[in-house]
């Protein structure tokens, strides 16, 4: 459990979901860039990568991505069943290209021995203890 604003505790799964939601969206964009996809197939693919995403999470995510212009869908017969099939839009392709750049940058930083310092608090604390601040 982790503390959130106001001192409340939330199960770690809530935090994981929040962090992983962006990664799941990138997975969807990536796969939609290569082939049309439908929800069940995407759930199985995400499961392959260790994400446990059910229909109550994935379908609202897909609908939201469509509302935001990243995907477009149409009803099709797939294996004898009617399925809503999603395809990547031009905006979705641009978003995927931008995400790829950001993920590459993050990957590099995650694997750096000493990531770039941002707050310099250790330096400030050291200076304060020496009476320099």
Protein backbone atom coordinates (compact mmCIF):
# COMPACT_ATOMS: atom_id res chain seq x y z
CA UNK A 1 0.00 0.00 0.00
CA UNK A 2 1.04 3.56 -0.60
CA UNK A 3 0.00 6.86 0.93
CA UNK A 4 -1.80 9.36 -1.29
CA UNK A 5 -2.84 12.96 -0.76
CA UNK A 6 -4.87 13.26 2.41
CA UNK A 7 -3.11 10.30 4.05
CA UNK A 8 -5.39 7.67 2.47
CA UNK A 9 -4.00 4.30 1.45
CA UNK A 10 -4.66 2.68 -1.91
CA UNK A 11 -3.79 -0.86 -3.00
CA UNK A 12 -0.64 -1.02 -5.10
CA UNK A 13 -2.71 -2.33 -8.04
CA UNK A 14 -4.36 1.10 -8.37
CA UNK A 15 -0.93 2.71 -8.73
CA UNK A 16 0.23 0.04 -11.15
CA UNK A 17 -2.86 0.59 -13.26
CA UNK A 18 -2.22 4.32 -13.36
CA UNK A 19 1.43 3.87 -14.36
CA UNK A 20 0.81 1.08 -16.85
CA UNK A 21 -2.17 2.74 -18.58
CA UNK A 22 0.15 4.77 -20.81
CA UNK A 23 2.21 1.70 -21.68
CA UNK A 24 -0.94 -0.22 -22.58
CA UNK A 25 -2.03 2.62 -24.87
CA UNK A 26 1.37 2.51 -26.58
CA UNK A 27 0.99 -1.27 -27.04
CA UNK A 28 -2.41 -0.69 -28.66
CA UNK A 29 -1.00 1.97 -31.01
CA UNK A 30 1.95 -0.26 -31.91
CA UNK A 31 -0.21 -3.25 -32.80
CA UNK A 32 -2.80 -1.15 -34.61
CA UNK A 33 0.05 0.26 -36.73
CA UNK A 34 0.78 -3.27 -37.99
CA UNK A 35 -2.72 -4.73 -38.35
CA UNK A 36 -6.36 -4.04 -37.54
CA UNK A 37 -7.17 -5.32 -34.06
CA UNK A 38 -10.14 -6.19 -31.88
CA UNK A 39 -10.50 -6.17 -28.13
CA UNK A 40 -10.17 -9.87 -27.27
CA UNK A 41 -7.06 -10.29 -29.41
CA UNK A 42 -5.53 -7.19 -27.78
CA UNK A 43 -6.34 -8.51 -24.29
CA UNK A 44 -4.54 -11.76 -25.18
CA UNK A 45 -1.53 -9.84 -26.50
CA UNK A 46 -1.37 -7.67 -23.39
CA UNK A 47 -1.66 -10.81 -21.25
CA UNK A 48 1.35 -12.19 -23.14
CA UNK A 49 3.31 -9.18 -21.84
CA UNK A 50 2.11 -9.68 -18.27
CA UNK A 51 -0.69 -7.09 -18.21
CA UNK A 52 -3.93 -8.36 -16.68
CA UNK A 53 -6.47 -6.25 -18.52
CA UNK A 54 -10.13 -7.19 -18.59
CA UNK A 55 -12.88 -5.98 -20.89
CA UNK A 56 -14.05 -3.40 -18.34
CA UNK A 57 -10.66 -1.70 -18.66
CA UNK A 58 -9.70 -2.32 -22.29
CA UNK A 59 -12.93 -1.42 -24.08
CA UNK A 60 -13.29 2.01 -22.42
CA UNK A 61 -9.61 2.59 -23.22
CA UNK A 62 -10.16 1.69 -26.90
CA UNK A 63 -13.30 3.87 -27.06
CA UNK A 64 -11.38 6.76 -25.51
CA UNK A 65 -8.55 6.36 -28.01
CA UNK A 66 -11.12 6.41 -30.80
CA UNK A 67 -12.83 9.50 -29.33
CA UNK A 68 -9.42 11.19 -29.21
CA UNK A 69 -8.80 10.43 -32.89
CA UNK A 70 -6.01 7.89 -32.42
CA UNK A 71 -8.05 4.92 -33.66
CA UNK A 72 -11.04 4.43 -35.93
CA UNK A 73 -13.31 1.40 -35.73
CA UNK A 74 -15.87 -0.48 -37.74
CA UNK A 75 -17.96 -3.58 -37.15
CA UNK A 76 -16.69 -6.61 -39.10
CA UNK A 77 -17.20 -10.36 -39.16
CA UNK A 78 -14.12 -12.05 -37.72
CA UNK A 79 -14.14 -15.82 -37.46
CA UNK A 80 -17.93 -15.88 -37.76
CA UNK A 81 -18.41 -13.25 -35.02
CA UNK A 82 -19.17 -9.56 -35.28
CA UNK A 83 -16.31 -7.62 -33.81
CA UNK A 84 -15.45 -3.96 -33.53
CA UNK A 85 -12.14 -3.73 -35.37
CA UNK A 86 -9.78 -0.82 -34.70
CA UNK A 87 -7.30 0.74 -37.11
CA UNK A 88 -4.68 3.40 -36.53
CA UNK A 89 -5.41 6.93 -37.78
CA UNK A 90 -2.83 9.46 -39.01
CA UNK A 91 -3.02 11.13 -35.59
CA UNK A 92 -2.47 7.74 -33.97
CA UNK A 93 0.58 7.18 -36.15
CA UNK A 94 2.03 10.56 -35.12
CA UNK A 95 1.29 9.80 -31.46
CA UNK A 96 3.07 6.44 -31.80
CA UNK A 97 6.12 8.10 -33.36
CA UNK A 98 6.25 10.62 -30.51
CA UNK A 99 5.75 7.88 -27.91
CA UNK A 100 8.55 5.84 -29.46
CA UNK A 101 10.92 8.79 -29.06
CA UNK A 102 9.88 9.35 -25.45
CA UNK A 103 10.09 5.64 -24.58
CA UNK A 104 13.58 5.47 -26.12
CA UNK A 105 14.65 8.49 -24.01
CA UNK A 106 13.16 6.94 -20.87
CA UNK A 107 14.79 3.58 -21.60
CA UNK A 108 18.20 5.25 -21.84
CA UNK A 109 17.65 7.12 -18.58
CA UNK A 110 16.35 4.02 -16.78
CA UNK A 111 19.59 2.24 -17.62
CA UNK A 112 22.02 5.08 -16.88
CA UNK A 113 24.21 4.48 -13.86
CA UNK A 114 23.76 8.08 -12.72
CA UNK A 115 20.63 9.72 -14.21
CA UNK A 116 20.73 13.48 -14.68
CA UNK A 117 20.12 15.32 -11.42
CA UNK A 118 17.05 17.52 -11.37
CA UNK A 119 16.64 19.00 -7.88
CA UNK A 120 20.23 19.21 -6.60
CA UNK A 121 18.85 18.84 -3.06
CA UNK A 122 21.90 16.99 -1.82
CA UNK A 123 24.10 19.93 -2.85
CA UNK A 124 21.74 22.45 -1.22
CA UNK A 125 21.54 20.42 2.00
CA UNK A 126 25.32 20.15 2.07
CA UNK A 127 25.72 23.91 1.54
CA UNK A 128 23.07 24.66 4.19
CA UNK A 129 24.86 22.50 6.74
CA UNK A 130 28.03 24.47 6.00
CA UNK A 131 26.18 27.79 6.36
CA UNK A 132 26.48 28.75 2.68
CA UNK A 133 22.79 29.08 1.82
